[in-house]
C-alpha cells in the first residue's frame, strides 16, 4: 500500500471515528436527559406520597375533631352539664386538634423538603 493510499484509508477511518464520536455524544446527551427525567419523576412521586400521607393524617385528625365537637354538643344539650364543662371540653379538643394538624403539616413539609 502506497503512502497516498494509507493517507486516504486513515482519513476514511478518521471520518468514521468522528461520526461514531458524534453518535456517542448524542446517545450520552439522551441518556443524561432520561436520567434527569427519571430523577424528576421520582421526586414528584415522593411529593405525592408525602402529600397523601399528610392528607390521611389530616383526615384522621378531622374525624377526631368532629368527634370532640359531637361530644361537646351532647354535653351542651344535656341539662345536667354545665356550660363551663362543655366549653372546657371544646377548648381542649380544639387545642389538641390544632396541635395535631400543625405537627402533621410540619412533618409533611419536612418529608417534602428532604426529598
C-alpha atoms as a PDB file:
ATOM      1  CA  UNK A   1       0.000   0.000   0.000  1.00  0.00           C
ATOM      2  CA  UNK A   2       1.383   3.360  -1.014  1.00  0.00           C
ATOM      3  CA  UNK A   3       1.642   6.341   1.252  1.00  0.00           C
ATOM      4  CA  UNK A   4      -1.225   8.110  -0.523  1.00  0.00           C
ATOM      5  CA  UNK A   5      -3.423   5.033  -0.168  1.00  0.00           C
ATOM      6  CA  UNK A   6      -2.565   4.817   3.543  1.00  0.00           C
ATOM      7  CA  UNK A   7      -3.415   8.503   3.983  1.00  0.00           C
ATOM      8  CA  UNK A   8      -6.768   8.027   2.234  1.00  0.00           C
ATOM      9  CA  UNK A   9      -7.511   4.949   4.364  1.00  0.00           C
ATOM     10  CA  UNK A  10      -6.541   6.773   7.555  1.00  0.00           C
ATOM     11  CA  UNK A  11      -8.712   9.764   6.573  1.00  0.00           C
ATOM     12  CA  UNK A  12     -11.674   7.447   5.988  1.00  0.00           C
ATOM     13  CA  UNK A  13     -11.045   5.780   9.331  1.00  0.00           C
ATOM     14  CA  UNK A  14     -10.763   9.204  10.993  1.00  0.00           C
ATOM     15  CA  UNK A  15     -14.097  10.300   9.470  1.00  0.00           C
ATOM     16  CA  UNK A  16     -15.677   7.057  10.653  1.00  0.00           C
ATOM     17  CA  UNK A  17     -14.333   7.632  14.158  1.00  0.00           C
ATOM     18  CA  UNK A  18     -15.568  11.238  14.136  1.00  0.00           C
ATOM     19  CA  UNK A  19     -19.035  10.119  13.047  1.00  0.00           C
ATOM     20  CA  UNK A  20     -19.032   7.482  15.787  1.00  0.00           C
ATOM     21  CA  UNK A  21     -17.977  10.128  18.320  1.00  0.00           C
ATOM     22  CA  UNK A  22     -20.844  12.412  17.253  1.00  0.00           C
ATOM     23  CA  UNK A  23     -23.278   9.497  17.565  1.00  0.00           C
ATOM     24  CA  UNK A  24     -21.953   8.509  21.003  1.00  0.00           C
ATOM     25  CA  UNK A  25     -22.156  12.121  22.226  1.00  0.00           C
ATOM     26  CA  UNK A  26     -25.754  12.254  21.050  1.00  0.00           C
ATOM     27  CA  UNK A  27     -26.543   8.996  22.866  1.00  0.00           C
ATOM     28  CA  UNK A  28     -24.832  10.301  26.015  1.00  0.00           C
ATOM     29  CA  UNK A  29     -26.898  13.501  25.933  1.00  0.00           C
ATOM     30  CA  UNK A  30     -30.071  11.457  25.513  1.00  0.00           C
ATOM     31  CA  UNK A  31     -29.127   9.155  28.394  1.00  0.00           C
ATOM     32  CA  UNK A  32     -28.435  12.140  30.653  1.00  0.00           C
ATOM     33  CA  UNK A  33     -31.792  13.695  29.757  1.00  0.00           C
ATOM     34  CA  UNK A  34     -33.557  10.410  30.527  1.00  0.00           C
ATOM     35  CA  UNK A  35     -31.654  10.142  33.815  1.00  0.00           C
ATOM     36  CA  UNK A  36     -32.773  13.632  34.855  1.00  0.00           C
ATOM     37  CA  UNK A  37     -36.346  12.883  33.790  1.00  0.00           C
ATOM     38  CA  UNK A  38     -36.245   9.774  35.995  1.00  0.00           C
ATOM     39  CA  UNK A  39     -34.985  11.837  38.928  1.00  0.00           C
ATOM     40  CA  UNK A  40     -37.740  14.403  38.432  1.00  0.00           C
ATOM     41  CA  UNK A  41     -40.371  11.651  38.197  1.00  0.00           C
ATOM     42  CA  UNK A  42     -39.021  10.123  41.418  1.00  0.00           C
ATOM     43  CA  UNK A  43     -39.182  13.462  43.232  1.00  0.00           C
ATOM     44  CA  UNK A  44     -42.740  14.048  42.030  1.00  0.00           C
ATOM     45  CA  UNK A  45     -43.718  10.608  43.296  1.00  0.00           C
ATOM     46  CA  UNK A  46     -42.156  11.324  46.686  1.00  0.00           C
ATOM     47  CA  UNK A  47     -44.027  14.641  46.903  1.00  0.00           C
ATOM     48  CA  UNK A  48     -47.330  12.932  46.058  1.00  0.00           C
ATOM     49  CA  UNK A  49     -46.709  10.183  48.609  1.00  0.00           C
ATOM     50  CA  UNK A  50     -45.860  12.722  51.304  1.00  0.00           C
ATOM     51  CA  UNK A  51     -48.952  14.733  50.412  1.00  0.00           C
ATOM     52  CA  UNK A  52     -51.115  11.598  50.528  1.00  0.00           C
ATOM     53  CA  UNK A  53     -49.658  10.682  53.913  1.00  0.00           C
ATOM     54  CA  UNK A  54     -50.348  14.197  55.164  1.00  0.00           C
ATOM     55  CA  UNK A  55     -53.859  14.068  53.751  1.00  0.00           C
ATOM     56  CA  UNK A  56     -54.561  10.769  55.511  1.00  0.00           C
ATOM     57  CA  UNK A  57     -53.310  12.161  58.809  1.00  0.00           C
ATOM     58  CA  UNK A  58     -55.372  15.328  58.381  1.00  0.00           C
ATOM     59  CA  UNK A  59     -58.459  13.237  57.626  1.00  0.00           C
ATOM     60  CA  UNK A  60     -57.938  11.244  60.832  1.00  0.00           C
ATOM     61  CA  UNK A  61     -57.473  14.435  62.823  1.00  0.00           C
ATOM     62  CA  UNK A  62     -60.544  15.977  61.254  1.00  0.00           C
ATOM     63  CA  UNK A  63     -62.549  12.937  62.350  1.00  0.00           C
ATOM     64  CA  UNK A  64     -61.188  13.303  65.898  1.00  0.00           C
ATOM     65  CA  UNK A  65     -62.199  16.962  65.869  1.00  0.00           C
ATOM     66  CA  UNK A  66     -65.705  16.113  64.653  1.00  0.00           C
ATOM     67  CA  UNK A  67     -65.974  13.505  67.377  1.00  0.00           C
ATOM     68  CA  UNK A  68     -64.900  16.033  70.021  1.00  0.00           C
ATOM     69  CA  UNK A  69     -67.426  18.501  68.639  1.00  0.00           C
ATOM     70  CA  UNK A  70     -70.199  15.898  68.760  1.00  0.00           C
ATOM     71  CA  UNK A  71     -69.371  15.039  72.382  1.00  0.00           C
ATOM     72  CA  UNK A  72     -69.332  18.710  73.310  1.00  0.00           C
ATOM     73  CA  UNK A  73     -72.634  19.321  71.599  1.00  0.00           C
ATOM     74  CA  UNK A  74     -74.203  16.439  73.528  1.00  0.00           C
ATOM     75  CA  UNK A  75     -72.855  17.916  76.761  1.00  0.00           C
ATOM     76  CA  UNK A  76     -74.250  21.345  75.905  1.00  0.00           C
ATOM     77  CA  UNK A  77     -77.640  19.856  75.107  1.00  0.00           C
ATOM     78  CA  UNK A  78     -77.592  17.800  78.312  1.00  0.00           C
ATOM     79  CA  UNK A  79     -79.281  19.829  81.025  1.00  0.00           C
ATOM     80  CA  UNK A  80     -77.111  18.287  83.744  1.00  0.00           C
ATOM     81  CA  UNK A  81     -73.915  19.549  82.125  1.00  0.00           C
ATOM     82  CA  UNK A  82     -72.626  22.984  82.937  1.00  0.00           C
ATOM     83  CA  UNK A  83     -71.671  25.440  80.239  1.00  0.00           C
ATOM     84  CA  UNK A  84     -68.127  25.739  81.545  1.00  0.00           C
ATOM     85  CA  UNK A  85     -67.611  21.966  81.361  1.00  0.00           C
ATOM     86  CA  UNK A  86     -68.785  21.902  77.754  1.00  0.00           C
ATOM     87  CA  UNK A  87     -66.648  24.921  76.894  1.00  0.00           C
ATOM     88  CA  UNK A  88     -63.602  23.340  78.508  1.00  0.00           C
ATOM     89  CA  UNK A  89     -64.155  20.106  76.596  1.00  0.00           C
ATOM     90  CA  UNK A  90     -64.473  22.009  73.330  1.00  0.00           C
ATOM     91  CA  UNK A  91     -61.394  24.127  74.049  1.00  0.00           C
ATOM     92  CA  UNK A  92     -59.297  21.063  74.921  1.00  0.00           C
ATOM     93  CA  UNK A  93     -60.466  19.229  71.806  1.00  0.00           C
ATOM     94  CA  UNK A  94     -59.736  22.196  69.565  1.00  0.00           C
ATOM     95  CA  UNK A  95     -56.306  22.722  71.105  1.00  0.00           C
ATOM     96  CA  UNK A  96     -55.455  19.070  70.634  1.00  0.00           C
ATOM     97  CA  UNK A  97     -56.688  19.110  67.035  1.00  0.00           C
ATOM     98  CA  UNK A  98     -54.744  22.299  66.282  1.00  0.00           C
ATOM     99  CA  UNK A  99     -51.562  20.785  67.713  1.00  0.00           C
ATOM    100  CA  UNK A 100     -52.048  17.542  65.769  1.00  0.00           C
ATOM    101  CA  UNK A 101     -52.742  19.362  62.485  1.00  0.00           C
ATOM    102  CA  UNK A 102     -49.720  21.638  62.977  1.00  0.00           C
ATOM    103  CA  UNK A 103     -47.441  18.667  63.675  1.00  0.00           C
ATOM    104  CA  UNK A 104     -48.765  16.781  60.637  1.00  0.00           C
ATOM    105  CA  UNK A 105     -48.203  19.770  58.371  1.00  0.00           C
ATOM    106  CA  UNK A 106     -44.683  20.328  59.701  1.00  0.00           C
ATOM    107  CA  UNK A 107     -43.861  16.640  59.266  1.00  0.00           C
ATOM    108  CA  UNK A 108     -45.247  16.627  55.720  1.00  0.00           C
ATOM    109  CA  UNK A 109     -43.255  19.752  54.856  1.00  0.00           C
ATOM    110  CA  UNK A 110     -40.152  18.127  56.300  1.00  0.00           C
ATOM    111  CA  UNK A 111     -40.693  14.995  54.188  1.00  0.00           C
ATOM    112  CA  UNK A 112     -41.163  17.071  51.059  1.00  0.00           C
ATOM    113  CA  UNK A 113     -38.066  19.203  51.639  1.00  0.00           C
ATOM    114  CA  UNK A 114     -35.927  16.108  52.352  1.00  0.00           C
ATOM    115  CA  UNK A 115     -36.965  14.534  49.029  1.00  0.00           C
END
